[in-house]
N, C-alpha and C. Protein backbone atom coordinates (compact mmCIF):
# COMPACT_ATOMS: atom_id res chain seq x y z
N MET A 1 92.01 19.57 137.79
CA MET A 1 91.77 19.03 136.57
C MET A 1 93.11 19.08 135.70
N SER A 2 93.48 17.92 135.17
CA SER A 2 94.66 17.83 134.39
C SER A 2 94.41 18.37 132.91
N ARG A 3 95.57 18.54 132.35
CA ARG A 3 95.53 19.08 131.01
C ARG A 3 94.88 17.95 129.91
N GLN A 4 94.12 18.33 129.08
CA GLN A 4 93.46 17.44 128.13
C GLN A 4 93.74 17.67 126.73
N LEU A 5 94.25 16.82 125.85
CA LEU A 5 94.54 17.12 124.50
C LEU A 5 93.39 16.62 123.77
N ILE A 6 93.01 17.49 122.78
CA ILE A 6 91.84 17.05 121.84
C ILE A 6 92.46 17.02 120.40
N SER A 7 92.02 15.93 119.73
CA SER A 7 92.46 15.79 118.33
C SER A 7 91.39 15.49 117.38
N THR A 8 91.64 16.00 116.24
CA THR A 8 90.60 15.69 115.15
C THR A 8 90.78 14.39 114.52
N GLY A 9 91.98 13.80 114.79
CA GLY A 9 92.42 12.40 114.09
C GLY A 9 93.23 12.73 112.96
N SER A 10 93.51 14.09 112.49
CA SER A 10 94.33 14.34 111.45
C SER A 10 95.70 13.76 111.73
N PRO A 11 96.39 13.14 110.70
CA PRO A 11 97.75 12.71 110.93
C PRO A 11 98.72 13.87 111.05
N PHE A 12 98.40 15.06 110.58
CA PHE A 12 99.22 16.14 110.64
C PHE A 12 99.50 16.64 112.10
N GLU A 13 98.43 16.35 112.90
CA GLU A 13 98.60 16.87 114.32
C GLU A 13 99.91 16.20 115.00
N LYS A 14 99.94 14.85 114.72
CA LYS A 14 101.11 14.24 115.36
C LYS A 14 102.38 14.44 114.73
N SER A 15 102.45 14.54 113.41
CA SER A 15 103.69 14.82 112.75
C SER A 15 104.08 16.37 112.93
N ALA A 16 103.23 17.21 113.13
CA ALA A 16 103.58 18.63 113.44
C ALA A 16 103.69 18.92 114.87
N GLY A 17 103.27 17.94 115.66
CA GLY A 17 103.49 18.15 117.20
C GLY A 17 102.48 18.98 117.83
N TYR A 18 101.30 18.91 117.43
CA TYR A 18 100.26 19.89 118.14
C TYR A 18 98.94 19.14 118.34
N SER A 19 98.04 19.71 119.14
CA SER A 19 96.73 19.30 119.36
C SER A 19 95.73 20.27 118.77
N ARG A 20 94.59 19.85 118.37
CA ARG A 20 93.65 20.76 117.83
C ARG A 20 93.13 21.68 118.95
N ALA A 21 93.16 21.16 120.18
CA ALA A 21 92.84 21.86 121.43
C ALA A 21 93.51 21.40 122.53
N VAL A 22 93.70 22.25 123.46
CA VAL A 22 94.21 21.87 124.72
C VAL A 22 93.27 22.50 125.84
N ILE A 23 92.81 21.65 126.69
CA ILE A 23 91.98 22.10 127.70
C ILE A 23 92.83 22.07 129.04
N ASP A 24 92.72 23.18 129.61
CA ASP A 24 93.49 23.38 130.90
C ASP A 24 92.62 24.16 131.93
N GLY A 25 92.12 23.36 132.89
CA GLY A 25 91.19 24.01 133.84
C GLY A 25 89.95 24.55 133.13
N ASP A 26 89.62 25.71 133.39
CA ASP A 26 88.45 26.31 132.80
C ASP A 26 88.64 27.05 131.22
N PHE A 27 89.90 26.81 130.79
CA PHE A 27 90.20 27.37 129.54
C PHE A 27 90.43 26.31 128.43
N ALA A 28 89.95 26.67 127.26
CA ALA A 28 90.23 25.79 126.01
C ALA A 28 90.86 26.70 125.12
N PHE A 29 92.03 26.19 124.58
CA PHE A 29 92.80 26.80 123.50
C PHE A 29 92.64 25.99 122.26
N VAL A 30 92.09 26.57 121.31
CA VAL A 30 91.80 25.90 120.04
C VAL A 30 92.88 26.36 119.05
N ALA A 31 93.64 25.40 118.43
CA ALA A 31 94.77 25.77 117.44
C ALA A 31 94.14 26.40 116.14
N GLY A 32 94.97 27.14 115.54
CA GLY A 32 94.52 27.58 114.21
C GLY A 32 93.85 26.45 113.36
N THR A 33 92.66 26.65 112.96
CA THR A 33 91.91 25.68 112.21
C THR A 33 91.57 26.18 110.79
N THR A 34 92.00 25.45 109.86
CA THR A 34 91.69 25.65 108.47
C THR A 34 90.39 25.01 108.02
N GLY A 35 90.02 25.24 106.82
CA GLY A 35 88.68 24.79 106.35
C GLY A 35 88.57 23.45 105.92
N TYR A 36 89.37 22.44 106.26
CA TYR A 36 89.21 21.20 105.81
C TYR A 36 88.09 20.39 106.46
N ASP A 37 87.42 19.64 105.80
CA ASP A 37 86.41 18.52 106.27
C ASP A 37 87.32 17.49 106.63
N TYR A 38 87.50 17.25 107.92
CA TYR A 38 88.47 16.21 108.44
C TYR A 38 87.82 14.82 108.27
N ALA A 39 86.64 14.77 107.97
CA ALA A 39 85.92 13.38 107.75
C ALA A 39 86.45 12.85 106.39
N THR A 40 86.53 13.76 105.38
CA THR A 40 86.77 13.48 104.03
C THR A 40 88.20 13.98 103.66
N MET A 41 88.87 14.77 104.45
CA MET A 41 90.13 15.40 104.26
C MET A 41 90.07 16.20 102.97
N THR A 42 88.98 16.81 102.83
CA THR A 42 88.84 17.82 101.42
C THR A 42 88.73 19.10 101.88
N LEU A 43 89.08 20.07 100.88
CA LEU A 43 88.97 21.44 101.23
C LEU A 43 88.17 22.12 100.24
N PRO A 44 87.00 22.76 100.64
CA PRO A 44 86.26 23.40 99.52
C PRO A 44 87.03 24.62 99.06
N ALA A 45 86.62 24.85 97.81
CA ALA A 45 87.32 26.07 97.08
C ALA A 45 86.82 27.44 97.65
N ASP A 46 85.61 27.52 98.04
CA ASP A 46 84.90 28.75 98.51
C ASP A 46 85.40 29.12 100.04
N VAL A 47 85.71 30.39 100.20
CA VAL A 47 86.03 30.86 101.51
C VAL A 47 84.94 30.70 102.44
N THR A 48 83.62 30.87 102.10
CA THR A 48 82.49 30.78 102.97
C THR A 48 82.37 29.29 103.50
N ASP A 49 82.50 28.32 102.62
CA ASP A 49 82.45 27.03 103.00
C ASP A 49 83.65 26.59 103.87
N GLN A 50 84.80 27.14 103.55
CA GLN A 50 86.01 26.91 104.43
C GLN A 50 85.75 27.51 105.72
N ALA A 51 85.29 28.68 105.79
CA ALA A 51 84.98 29.32 107.24
C ALA A 51 84.00 28.49 107.94
N ARG A 52 83.01 28.03 107.28
CA ARG A 52 81.99 27.13 108.10
C ARG A 52 82.57 25.77 108.51
N ASN A 53 83.55 25.35 107.70
CA ASN A 53 84.23 24.05 108.14
C ASN A 53 85.16 24.25 109.28
N CYS A 54 85.70 25.52 109.34
CA CYS A 54 86.66 26.01 110.53
C CYS A 54 85.73 25.85 111.79
N PHE A 55 84.56 26.41 111.75
CA PHE A 55 83.75 26.55 112.90
C PHE A 55 83.13 25.13 113.25
N LYS A 56 82.92 24.32 112.22
CA LYS A 56 82.49 22.88 112.47
C LYS A 56 83.46 22.13 113.38
N SER A 57 84.85 22.31 112.99
CA SER A 57 85.93 21.73 113.59
C SER A 57 86.18 22.29 114.91
N ILE A 58 86.06 23.53 115.06
CA ILE A 58 86.26 24.25 116.42
C ILE A 58 85.05 23.87 117.37
N GLU A 59 83.96 23.78 116.77
CA GLU A 59 82.80 23.54 117.74
C GLU A 59 82.95 21.89 118.23
N ALA A 60 83.52 21.10 117.41
CA ALA A 60 83.60 19.65 117.70
C ALA A 60 84.64 19.60 118.84
N ALA A 61 85.89 20.27 118.49
CA ALA A 61 86.91 20.23 119.53
C ALA A 61 86.40 20.77 120.90
N LEU A 62 85.65 21.87 120.89
CA LEU A 62 85.26 22.38 122.19
C LEU A 62 84.32 21.46 122.84
N LYS A 63 83.36 20.90 122.12
CA LYS A 63 82.54 19.98 122.65
C LYS A 63 83.19 18.77 123.38
N ASP A 64 84.20 18.25 122.65
CA ASP A 64 85.05 17.16 123.18
C ASP A 64 85.71 17.46 124.56
N GLY A 65 85.99 18.83 124.71
CA GLY A 65 86.44 19.34 126.02
C GLY A 65 85.46 19.77 126.91
N GLY A 66 84.16 19.62 126.63
CA GLY A 66 83.06 20.08 127.60
C GLY A 66 82.76 21.66 127.42
N PHE A 67 83.04 22.15 126.40
CA PHE A 67 82.77 23.61 126.16
C PHE A 67 81.74 23.73 124.86
N THR A 68 81.24 24.94 124.81
CA THR A 68 80.50 25.25 123.51
C THR A 68 81.00 26.47 122.87
N LEU A 69 80.42 26.84 121.83
CA LEU A 69 80.80 28.13 121.12
C LEU A 69 80.55 29.20 122.03
N ALA A 70 79.49 29.24 122.83
CA ALA A 70 79.21 30.27 123.70
C ALA A 70 80.27 30.65 124.76
N ASP A 71 81.19 29.61 124.92
CA ASP A 71 82.33 29.91 125.86
C ASP A 71 83.41 30.64 125.28
N ILE A 72 83.37 30.96 123.94
CA ILE A 72 84.53 31.56 123.36
C ILE A 72 84.66 33.09 123.75
N VAL A 73 85.82 33.43 124.22
CA VAL A 73 86.09 34.80 124.66
C VAL A 73 87.09 35.45 123.68
N ARG A 74 87.73 34.79 122.84
CA ARG A 74 88.71 35.43 121.96
C ARG A 74 88.81 34.61 120.58
N ALA A 75 88.83 35.39 119.43
CA ALA A 75 88.77 34.60 118.27
C ALA A 75 89.94 35.46 117.36
N THR A 76 90.68 34.77 116.53
CA THR A 76 91.65 35.39 115.65
C THR A 76 91.31 34.79 114.27
N TYR A 77 91.18 35.57 113.24
CA TYR A 77 90.93 35.03 111.96
C TYR A 77 92.11 35.53 110.99
N TYR A 78 92.44 34.56 110.22
CA TYR A 78 93.62 34.94 109.33
C TYR A 78 93.09 34.62 107.97
N VAL A 79 93.18 35.63 107.07
CA VAL A 79 92.71 35.47 105.73
C VAL A 79 93.88 35.88 104.80
N SER A 80 94.07 35.07 103.69
CA SER A 80 95.09 35.43 102.70
C SER A 80 94.65 36.53 101.60
N ASP A 81 93.43 36.76 101.51
CA ASP A 81 92.84 37.69 100.65
C ASP A 81 91.87 38.66 101.18
N ARG A 82 92.37 39.81 101.24
CA ARG A 82 91.34 40.88 102.01
C ARG A 82 90.01 40.98 101.42
N SER A 83 89.85 40.56 100.17
CA SER A 83 88.52 40.60 99.55
C SER A 83 87.67 39.62 100.15
N ASP A 84 88.18 38.59 100.79
CA ASP A 84 87.44 37.57 101.54
C ASP A 84 86.79 38.10 102.80
N ALA A 85 87.28 39.07 103.33
CA ALA A 85 86.85 39.40 104.66
C ALA A 85 85.36 39.47 104.98
N ASP A 86 84.66 40.20 103.93
CA ASP A 86 83.18 40.40 104.15
C ASP A 86 82.49 38.88 104.23
N ALA A 87 82.93 38.04 103.38
CA ALA A 87 82.32 36.65 103.42
C ALA A 87 82.63 35.97 104.76
N VAL A 88 83.88 36.13 105.28
CA VAL A 88 84.27 35.52 106.51
C VAL A 88 83.37 36.28 107.60
N PHE A 89 83.40 37.43 107.71
CA PHE A 89 82.59 38.13 108.65
C PHE A 89 81.11 37.66 108.80
N ALA A 90 80.54 37.37 107.52
CA ALA A 90 79.21 36.92 107.41
C ALA A 90 78.95 35.57 108.26
N VAL A 91 79.98 34.73 108.03
CA VAL A 91 79.97 33.42 108.68
C VAL A 91 80.13 33.68 110.17
N CYS A 92 81.09 34.50 110.52
CA CYS A 92 81.38 34.78 111.96
C CYS A 92 80.16 35.27 112.63
N GLY A 93 79.38 36.17 111.87
CA GLY A 93 78.15 36.64 112.36
C GLY A 93 77.19 35.56 112.81
N GLU A 94 77.08 34.61 111.69
CA GLU A 94 76.08 33.46 111.95
C GLU A 94 76.42 32.71 113.19
N LYS A 95 77.80 32.46 113.37
CA LYS A 95 78.24 31.45 114.40
C LYS A 95 78.38 32.19 115.75
N LEU A 96 78.76 33.53 115.75
CA LEU A 96 79.20 34.14 116.99
C LEU A 96 78.53 35.55 117.29
N GLY A 97 77.43 35.79 116.45
CA GLY A 97 76.84 37.01 116.59
C GLY A 97 76.25 37.32 117.84
N ASN A 98 75.72 36.52 118.62
CA ASN A 98 75.27 36.65 119.99
C ASN A 98 76.21 36.48 121.03
N ILE A 99 77.32 35.86 120.74
CA ILE A 99 78.56 35.57 121.69
C ILE A 99 79.37 36.79 121.73
N ARG A 100 79.72 37.30 120.62
CA ARG A 100 80.63 38.50 120.43
C ARG A 100 81.89 38.45 121.23
N PRO A 101 82.68 37.64 120.97
CA PRO A 101 84.06 37.45 121.64
C PRO A 101 84.93 38.68 121.08
N ALA A 102 85.96 38.94 121.93
CA ALA A 102 87.03 39.76 121.31
C ALA A 102 87.60 39.20 120.18
N ALA A 103 87.81 40.03 119.02
CA ALA A 103 88.24 39.28 117.79
C ALA A 103 89.20 40.24 117.09
N THR A 104 90.04 39.67 116.20
CA THR A 104 90.89 40.30 115.41
C THR A 104 90.85 39.50 113.95
N LEU A 105 90.95 40.31 112.92
CA LEU A 105 91.10 39.69 111.68
C LEU A 105 92.41 40.19 111.10
N LEU A 106 93.19 39.38 110.57
CA LEU A 106 94.59 39.65 109.98
C LEU A 106 94.60 39.20 108.58
N VAL A 107 95.14 40.06 107.66
CA VAL A 107 95.31 39.57 106.25
C VAL A 107 96.82 39.32 106.22
N VAL A 108 97.15 37.99 105.89
CA VAL A 108 98.45 37.51 105.85
C VAL A 108 98.94 37.17 104.47
N ALA A 109 100.13 37.16 104.31
CA ALA A 109 100.78 36.92 103.02
C ALA A 109 100.25 35.46 102.34
N GLY A 110 100.12 34.48 103.27
CA GLY A 110 99.53 33.14 102.83
C GLY A 110 99.56 32.31 103.88
N LEU A 111 98.76 31.22 103.64
CA LEU A 111 98.62 30.08 104.72
C LEU A 111 99.61 28.95 104.27
N LEU A 112 99.52 27.89 104.96
CA LEU A 112 100.37 26.72 104.57
C LEU A 112 100.37 26.18 103.22
N LYS A 113 99.08 26.16 102.64
CA LYS A 113 98.83 25.75 101.29
C LYS A 113 98.11 26.90 100.59
N PRO A 114 98.33 27.16 99.26
CA PRO A 114 97.79 28.29 98.65
C PRO A 114 96.21 28.12 98.57
N GLU A 115 95.68 26.98 98.53
CA GLU A 115 94.27 26.87 98.54
C GLU A 115 93.59 27.07 99.84
N MET A 116 94.31 27.19 100.92
CA MET A 116 93.79 27.62 102.19
C MET A 116 93.54 28.98 102.21
N LYS A 117 92.25 29.48 102.54
CA LYS A 117 91.88 30.87 102.49
C LYS A 117 91.65 31.54 103.79
N ILE A 118 91.35 30.59 104.79
CA ILE A 118 91.10 31.13 106.18
C ILE A 118 91.61 30.12 107.25
N GLU A 119 92.03 30.71 108.33
CA GLU A 119 92.43 29.94 109.48
C GLU A 119 91.90 30.75 110.70
N ILE A 120 91.26 29.98 111.63
CA ILE A 120 90.69 30.54 112.78
C ILE A 120 91.18 29.88 114.08
N GLU A 121 91.54 30.69 115.06
CA GLU A 121 91.97 30.23 116.34
C GLU A 121 91.06 30.84 117.43
N VAL A 122 90.76 30.10 118.41
CA VAL A 122 89.88 30.67 119.55
C VAL A 122 90.39 30.12 120.90
N THR A 123 90.05 31.04 121.85
CA THR A 123 90.18 30.71 123.23
C THR A 123 88.79 30.77 123.91
N ALA A 124 88.46 29.77 124.74
CA ALA A 124 87.15 29.69 125.47
C ALA A 124 87.46 29.60 126.92
N LYS A 125 86.57 30.20 127.70
CA LYS A 125 86.48 29.99 129.14
C LYS A 125 85.20 29.43 129.62
N ARG A 126 85.33 28.32 130.29
CA ARG A 126 84.08 27.79 130.78
C ARG A 126 83.26 28.77 131.64
N ARG A 127 82.10 28.87 131.35
CA ARG A 127 81.26 29.93 132.05
C ARG A 127 80.66 29.27 133.38
N THR A 128 80.68 30.12 134.37
CA THR A 128 80.01 29.56 135.59
C THR A 128 78.64 30.27 135.75
N ALA A 129 77.70 29.63 136.33
CA ALA A 129 76.33 30.19 136.42
C ALA A 129 76.29 31.26 137.48
């Protein structure tokens, strides 16, 4: 199986030289994903809504590559405000509570734009029966 590049259609992907996800064999590597709604290119103000949008984009990228959220084996969460951690964990629990990938949450000085509150990256491995 050759390498497959997955895009959300965001013009930033081409100008910054990256793909939303790269599928390589049984692995999917999903790039850091912020809380934009890529259909409208809007960013909600609330971290909970941003986190849900992150997972919506991640799930779509995985699906385009033939994966599901259940295939996620590793997740890294970046938040710019430690007080948002509990809200982010609640969304992670909704989306990944039964999957329980290895995960890390990092509090960072900031993301690309000040209105960005969360960024999530994941690695998935296609499950075999």
